[in-house]
C-alpha atoms as a PDB file:
ATOM      1  CA  MET A   1     110.622 162.771  29.084  1.00  0.00           C
ATOM      2  CA  ARG A   2     109.212 159.259  29.256  1.00  0.00           C
ATOM      3  CA  ALA A   3     105.777 160.520  30.308  1.00  0.00           C
ATOM      4  CA  TYR A   4     105.559 163.080  27.492  1.00  0.00           C
ATOM      5  CA  PRO A   5     107.929 162.006  24.709  1.00  0.00           C
ATOM      6  CA  LEU A   6     108.810 164.654  22.145  1.00  0.00           C
ATOM      7  CA  PRO A   7     111.322 164.756  19.313  1.00  0.00           C
ATOM      8  CA  THR A   8     114.727 165.461  20.844  1.00  0.00           C
ATOM      9  CA  ILE A   9     115.402 168.675  18.936  1.00  0.00           C
ATOM     10  CA  VAL A  10     112.326 170.389  20.387  1.00  0.00           C
ATOM     11  CA  LEU A  11     113.334 169.672  23.988  1.00  0.00           C
ATOM     12  CA  ARG A  12     114.420 172.765  25.899  1.00  0.00           C
ATOM     13  CA  PRO A  13     116.093 172.823  29.317  1.00  0.00           C
ATOM     14  CA  GLU A  14     113.678 175.468  30.558  1.00  0.00           C
ATOM     15  CA  ASP A  15     110.837 172.961  30.150  1.00  0.00           C
ATOM     16  CA  PHE A  16     112.291 170.823  32.959  1.00  0.00           C
ATOM     17  CA  THR A  17     113.066 171.447  36.619  1.00  0.00           C
ATOM     18  CA  MET A  18     116.723 170.498  36.899  1.00  0.00           C
ATOM     19  CA  PRO A  19     118.507 172.873  39.279  1.00  0.00           C
ATOM     20  CA  ALA A  20     121.419 170.507  39.997  1.00  0.00           C
ATOM     21  CA  CYS A  21     121.936 169.874  36.279  1.00  0.00           C
ATOM     22  CA  ARG A  22     121.838 173.606  35.552  1.00  0.00           C
ATOM     23  CA  GLN A  23     124.420 174.236  38.263  1.00  0.00           C
ATOM     24  CA  GLN A  24     126.752 171.510  36.995  1.00  0.00           C
ATOM     25  CA  MET A  25     126.446 172.539  33.349  1.00  0.00           C
ATOM     26  CA  ALA A  26     127.170 176.164  34.329  1.00  0.00           C
ATOM     27  CA  ARG A  27     130.305 174.814  36.005  1.00  0.00           C
ATOM     28  CA  VAL A  28     131.177 172.922  32.799  1.00  0.00           C
ATOM     29  CA  ARG A  29     130.761 176.098  30.756  1.00  0.00           C
ATOM     30  CA  HIS A  30     132.997 177.992  33.181  1.00  0.00           C
ATOM     31  CA  ILE A  31     135.684 175.291  32.840  1.00  0.00           C
ATOM     32  CA  LEU A  32     135.380 175.453  29.052  1.00  0.00           C
ATOM     33  CA  ASP A  33     135.623 179.244  28.996  1.00  0.00           C
ATOM     34  CA  HIS A  34     138.098 179.929  31.787  1.00  0.00           C
ATOM     35  CA  GLY A  35     139.670 176.661  32.901  1.00  0.00           C
ATOM     36  CA  VAL A  36     141.419 173.853  31.095  1.00  0.00           C
ATOM     37  CA  ARG A  37     138.869 174.156  28.230  1.00  0.00           C
ATOM     38  CA  PHE A  38     137.977 170.459  28.427  1.00  0.00           C
ATOM     39  CA  ALA A  39     135.409 168.810  30.651  1.00  0.00           C
ATOM     40  CA  ILE A  40     134.151 165.294  31.246  1.00  0.00           C
ATOM     41  CA  VAL A  41     130.618 164.875  32.512  1.00  0.00           C
ATOM     42  CA  ASP A  42     130.439 161.396  33.965  1.00  0.00           C
ATOM     43  CA  ARG A  43     128.087 159.230  35.952  1.00  0.00           C
ATOM     44  CA  LEU A  44     125.166 159.667  33.595  1.00  0.00           C
ATOM     45  CA  PRO A  45     123.035 156.539  34.014  1.00  0.00           C
ATOM     46  CA  VAL A  46     123.400 155.582  30.342  1.00  0.00           C
ATOM     47  CA  ALA A  47     122.934 151.883  31.112  1.00  0.00           C
ATOM     48  CA  GLU A  48     119.371 152.720  32.197  1.00  0.00           C
ATOM     49  CA  LEU A  49     118.601 154.658  28.999  1.00  0.00           C
ATOM     50  CA  ASP A  50     117.779 153.574  25.500  1.00  0.00           C
ATOM     51  CA  ALA A  51     119.446 155.380  22.591  1.00  0.00           C
ATOM     52  CA  GLY A  52     116.674 157.955  22.259  1.00  0.00           C
ATOM     53  CA  GLU A  53     116.643 158.752  25.962  1.00  0.00           C
ATOM     54  CA  ALA A  54     120.438 159.040  26.099  1.00  0.00           C
ATOM     55  CA  THR A  55     120.361 161.385  23.108  1.00  0.00           C
ATOM     56  CA  ALA A  56     117.650 163.508  24.733  1.00  0.00           C
ATOM     57  CA  VAL A  57     119.598 163.793  28.001  1.00  0.00           C
ATOM     58  CA  TYR A  58     122.739 164.712  26.049  1.00  0.00           C
ATOM     59  CA  TRP A  59     120.758 167.293  24.062  1.00  0.00           C
ATOM     60  CA  LEU A  60     119.360 168.913  27.193  1.00  0.00           C
ATOM     61  CA  LEU A  61     122.678 169.013  29.032  1.00  0.00           C
ATOM     62  CA  SER A  62     124.466 170.357  25.956  1.00  0.00           C
ATOM     63  CA  SER A  63     121.769 172.974  25.457  1.00  0.00           C
ATOM     64  CA  MET A  64     122.534 174.274  28.939  1.00  0.00           C
ATOM     65  CA  VAL A  65     126.085 175.000  27.803  1.00  0.00           C
ATOM     66  CA  SER A  66     125.401 176.513  24.382  1.00  0.00           C
ATOM     67  CA  ARG A  67     123.003 176.598  21.440  1.00  0.00           C
ATOM     68  CA  PRO A  68     123.187 173.453  19.263  1.00  0.00           C
ATOM     69  CA  VAL A  69     124.210 173.923  15.627  1.00  0.00           C
ATOM     70  CA  ALA A  70     123.999 171.720  12.532  1.00  0.00           C
ATOM     71  CA  GLN A  71     126.417 168.804  12.464  1.00  0.00           C
ATOM     72  CA  LYS A  72     126.248 168.203   8.714  1.00  0.00           C
ATOM     73  CA  LEU A  73     125.560 170.237   5.599  1.00  0.00           C
ATOM     74  CA  ASP A  74     122.075 168.722   5.429  1.00  0.00           C
ATOM     75  CA  GLY A  75     121.199 170.451   8.722  1.00  0.00           C
ATOM     76  CA  ALA A  76     121.262 167.350  10.939  1.00  0.00           C
ATOM     77  CA  LEU A  77     121.508 168.507  14.540  1.00  0.00           C
ATOM     78  CA  ILE A  78     122.446 165.120  15.991  1.00  0.00           C
ATOM     79  CA  TYR A  79     125.012 162.843  14.394  1.00  0.00           C
ATOM     80  CA  ASP A  80     126.010 159.342  15.433  1.00  0.00           C
ATOM     81  CA  VAL A  81     129.642 158.281  15.147  1.00  0.00           C
ATOM     82  CA  LEU A  82     129.791 154.494  14.961  1.00  0.00           C
ATOM     83  CA  ASP A  83     131.361 151.653  13.065  1.00  0.00           C
ATOM     84  CA  THR A  84     128.859 150.469  10.472  1.00  0.00           C
ATOM     85  CA  GLY A  85     131.232 147.856   9.072  1.00  0.00           C
ATOM     86  CA  GLN A  86     131.660 149.827   5.843  1.00  0.00           C
ATOM     87  CA  GLU A  87     134.964 150.939   4.333  1.00  0.00           C
ATOM     88  CA  ALA A  88     135.773 154.570   3.578  1.00  0.00           C
ATOM     89  CA  LEU A  89     137.225 153.987   0.131  1.00  0.00           C
ATOM     90  CA  PRO A  90     137.899 156.924  -2.218  1.00  0.00           C
ATOM     91  CA  GLY A  91     134.665 157.888  -3.962  1.00  0.00           C
ATOM     92  CA  SER A  92     132.529 155.624  -1.764  1.00  0.00           C
ATOM     93  CA  GLY A  93     130.856 158.478   0.087  1.00  0.00           C
ATOM     94  CA  VAL A  94     131.443 156.606   3.348  1.00  0.00           C
ATOM     95  CA  ARG A  95     132.730 158.941   6.035  1.00  0.00           C
ATOM     96  CA  PRO A  96     135.633 157.707   8.170  1.00  0.00           C
ATOM     97  CA  ASP A  97     133.536 158.192  11.320  1.00  0.00           C
ATOM     98  CA  LYS A  98     131.258 155.398  10.076  1.00  0.00           C
ATOM     99  CA  THR A  99     134.150 152.917   9.963  1.00  0.00           C
ATOM    100  CA  ASN A 100     136.701 151.447  12.337  1.00  0.00           C
ATOM    101  CA  ILE A 101     139.697 153.306  10.899  1.00  0.00           C
ATOM    102  CA  GLU A 102     141.692 155.688  13.051  1.00  0.00           C
ATOM    103  CA  ILE A 103     140.663 159.287  12.561  1.00  0.00           C
ATOM    104  CA  ARG A 104     143.454 161.809  12.922  1.00  0.00           C
ATOM    105  CA  PHE A 105     143.100 165.132  14.686  1.00  0.00           C
ATOM    106  CA  HIS A 106     140.622 167.364  12.928  1.00  0.00           C
ATOM    107  CA  ASN A 107     138.239 170.240  13.531  1.00  0.00           C
ATOM    108  CA  ASP A 108     134.661 169.142  13.959  1.00  0.00           C
ATOM    109  CA  ASN A 109     132.188 171.284  12.066  1.00  0.00           C
ATOM    110  CA  ALA A 110     134.842 173.480  10.416  1.00  0.00           C
ATOM    111  CA  TYR A 111     132.668 173.948   7.296  1.00  0.00           C
ATOM    112  CA  ASN A 112     129.778 175.520   9.154  1.00  0.00           C
ATOM    113  CA  ASP A 113     129.021 179.227   8.744  1.00  0.00           C
ATOM    114  CA  THR A 114     127.785 179.112  12.351  1.00  0.00           C
ATOM    115  CA  PRO A 115     130.401 176.897  14.001  1.00  0.00           C
ATOM    116  CA  PRO A 116     129.738 175.593  17.488  1.00  0.00           C
ATOM    117  CA  ASP A 117     131.085 177.344  20.552  1.00  0.00           C
ATOM    118  CA  TYR A 118     132.017 173.932  21.930  1.00  0.00           C
ATOM    119  CA  VAL A 119     132.211 170.357  20.692  1.00  0.00           C
ATOM    120  CA  GLY A 120     130.664 167.630  22.804  1.00  0.00           C
ATOM    121  CA  LEU A 121     130.509 163.873  22.603  1.00  0.00           C
ATOM    122  CA  LEU A 122     128.348 161.327  24.368  1.00  0.00           C
ATOM    123  CA  CYS A 123     129.620 157.786  24.726  1.00  0.00           C
ATOM    124  CA  TRP A 124     126.484 155.705  24.999  1.00  0.00           C
ATOM    125  CA  ARG A 125     128.012 152.275  24.437  1.00  0.00           C
ATOM    126  CA  GLN A 126     131.674 151.598  25.012  1.00  0.00           C
ATOM    127  CA  ALA A 127     133.505 150.052  22.075  1.00  0.00           C
ATOM    128  CA  VAL A 128     134.465 146.398  22.421  1.00  0.00           C
ATOM    129  CA  SER A 129     137.964 147.466  21.395  1.00  0.00           C
ATOM    130  CA  GLY A 130     139.551 150.645  20.098  1.00  0.00           C
ATOM    131  CA  GLY A 131     137.339 153.677  19.887  1.00  0.00           C
ATOM    132  CA  HIS A 132     139.803 155.867  21.725  1.00  0.00           C
ATOM    133  CA  SER A 133     138.993 159.563  21.737  1.00  0.00           C
ATOM    134  CA  ARG A 134     141.761 162.103  21.859  1.00  0.00           C
ATOM    135  CA  VAL A 135     141.598 165.868  22.043  1.00  0.00           C
ATOM    136  CA  ILE A 136     144.055 168.620  21.418  1.00  0.00           C
ATOM    137  CA  SER A 137     143.762 172.198  22.561  1.00  0.00           C
ATOM    138  CA  PHE A 138     143.582 174.650  19.676  1.00  0.00           C
ATOM    139  CA  HIS A 139     144.869 177.350  22.022  1.00  0.00           C
ATOM    140  CA  THR A 140     147.839 175.206  23.047  1.00  0.00           C
ATOM    141  CA  ALA A 141     148.646 174.354  19.413  1.00  0.00           C
ATOM    142  CA  HIS A 142     148.441 178.045  18.504  1.00  0.00           C
ATOM    143  CA  ASN A 143     150.714 179.054  21.364  1.00  0.00           C
ATOM    144  CA  ALA A 144     153.192 176.267  20.526  1.00  0.00           C
ATOM    145  CA  LEU A 145     153.375 177.559  16.949  1.00  0.00           C
ATOM    146  CA  LEU A 146     153.806 181.081  18.284  1.00  0.00           C
ATOM    147  CA  ALA A 147     156.696 179.962  20.510  1.00  0.00           C
ATOM    148  CA  ARG A 148     158.440 177.595  18.074  1.00  0.00           C
ATOM    149  CA  HIS A 149     157.594 178.879  14.593  1.00  0.00           C
ATOM    150  CA  PRO A 150     156.291 182.439  14.885  1.00  0.00           C
ATOM    151  CA  ASN A 151     157.059 183.080  11.216  1.00  0.00           C
ATOM    152  CA  LYS A 152     154.495 180.406  10.192  1.00  0.00           C
ATOM    153  CA  LEU A 153     151.631 181.715  12.296  1.00  0.00           C
ATOM    154  CA  PRO A 154     150.669 184.794  10.196  1.00  0.00           C
ATOM    155  CA  ARG A 155     149.576 182.523   7.323  1.00  0.00           C
ATOM    156  CA  LEU A 156     146.894 181.025   9.535  1.00  0.00           C
ATOM    157  CA  TYR A 157     145.342 184.468   9.929  1.00  0.00           C
ATOM    158  CA  GLN A 158     144.942 184.919   6.192  1.00  0.00           C
ATOM    159  CA  PRO A 159     141.854 183.606   4.359  1.00  0.00           C
ATOM    160  CA  PHE A 160     142.061 180.079   3.025  1.00  0.00           C
ATOM    161  CA  CYS A 161     139.682 178.027   0.957  1.00  0.00           C
ATOM    162  CA  ARG A 162     139.121 174.357   1.427  1.00  0.00           C
ATOM    163  CA  GLN A 163     137.354 171.683  -0.529  1.00  0.00           C
ATOM    164  CA  SER A 164     135.991 168.342   0.452  1.00  0.00           C
ATOM    165  CA  GLY A 165     136.170 165.266  -1.735  1.00  0.00           C
ATOM    166  CA  ALA A 166     132.721 166.235  -3.017  1.00  0.00           C
ATOM    167  CA  GLY A 167     133.967 169.493  -4.559  1.00  0.00           C
ATOM    168  CA  PRO A 168     133.820 173.102  -3.424  1.00  0.00           C
ATOM    169  CA  GLN A 169     131.958 173.952  -0.268  1.00  0.00           C
ATOM    170  CA  PRO A 170     128.802 176.072  -0.478  1.00  0.00           C
ATOM    171  CA  ASN A 171     129.497 179.653  -1.478  1.00  0.00           C
ATOM    172  CA  GLY A 172     133.210 178.847  -1.984  1.00  0.00           C
ATOM    173  CA  VAL A 173     133.789 178.711   1.753  1.00  0.00           C
ATOM    174  CA  CYS A 174     136.901 180.577   2.807  1.00  0.00           C
ATOM    175  CA  ARG A 175     138.033 180.810   6.378  1.00  0.00           C
ATOM    176  CA  SER A 176     140.595 182.599   8.479  1.00  0.00           C
ATOM    177  CA  LEU A 177     141.449 182.335  12.152  1.00  0.00           C
ATOM    178  CA  ARG A 178     140.440 185.207  14.347  1.00  0.00           C
ATOM    179  CA  ALA A 179     141.961 186.095  17.691  1.00  0.00           C
END
């Protein structure tokens, strides 16, 4: 990549000889599909990479698991989550993931007509403090609702519309869960 730099989004795994990476990312996909549905890929030499190189490596490894999809309504395929020092005040247009406030559990990319098969994160620089990531299994939450409140679950299988603070989503986005 250093010898022939290209924009990250045009990089394709098949353009590189990486048999060990392919094998490990196939293992990650298997874990995501059939195992605990959560995987940590560690020991990437991020200290030896600049931001662009780290992003490119992340892009290539992720592309071995599944096709990348837009991260924002503007079509951005790569999105940085970092504290910019701004405040996410009502009407400010500042997203919480650009601040240091705690972000509660949420679905990444829920607005997208082509949602991702998986959600991945790359930690390039560790936060000085805070910055804890937490995950929850959608399947586990579903099954807990099924076991504890089965009468509530059918509503989740009916269409629902949602709006962001900026008004209705494109095409009046309505969603329903599918088994």
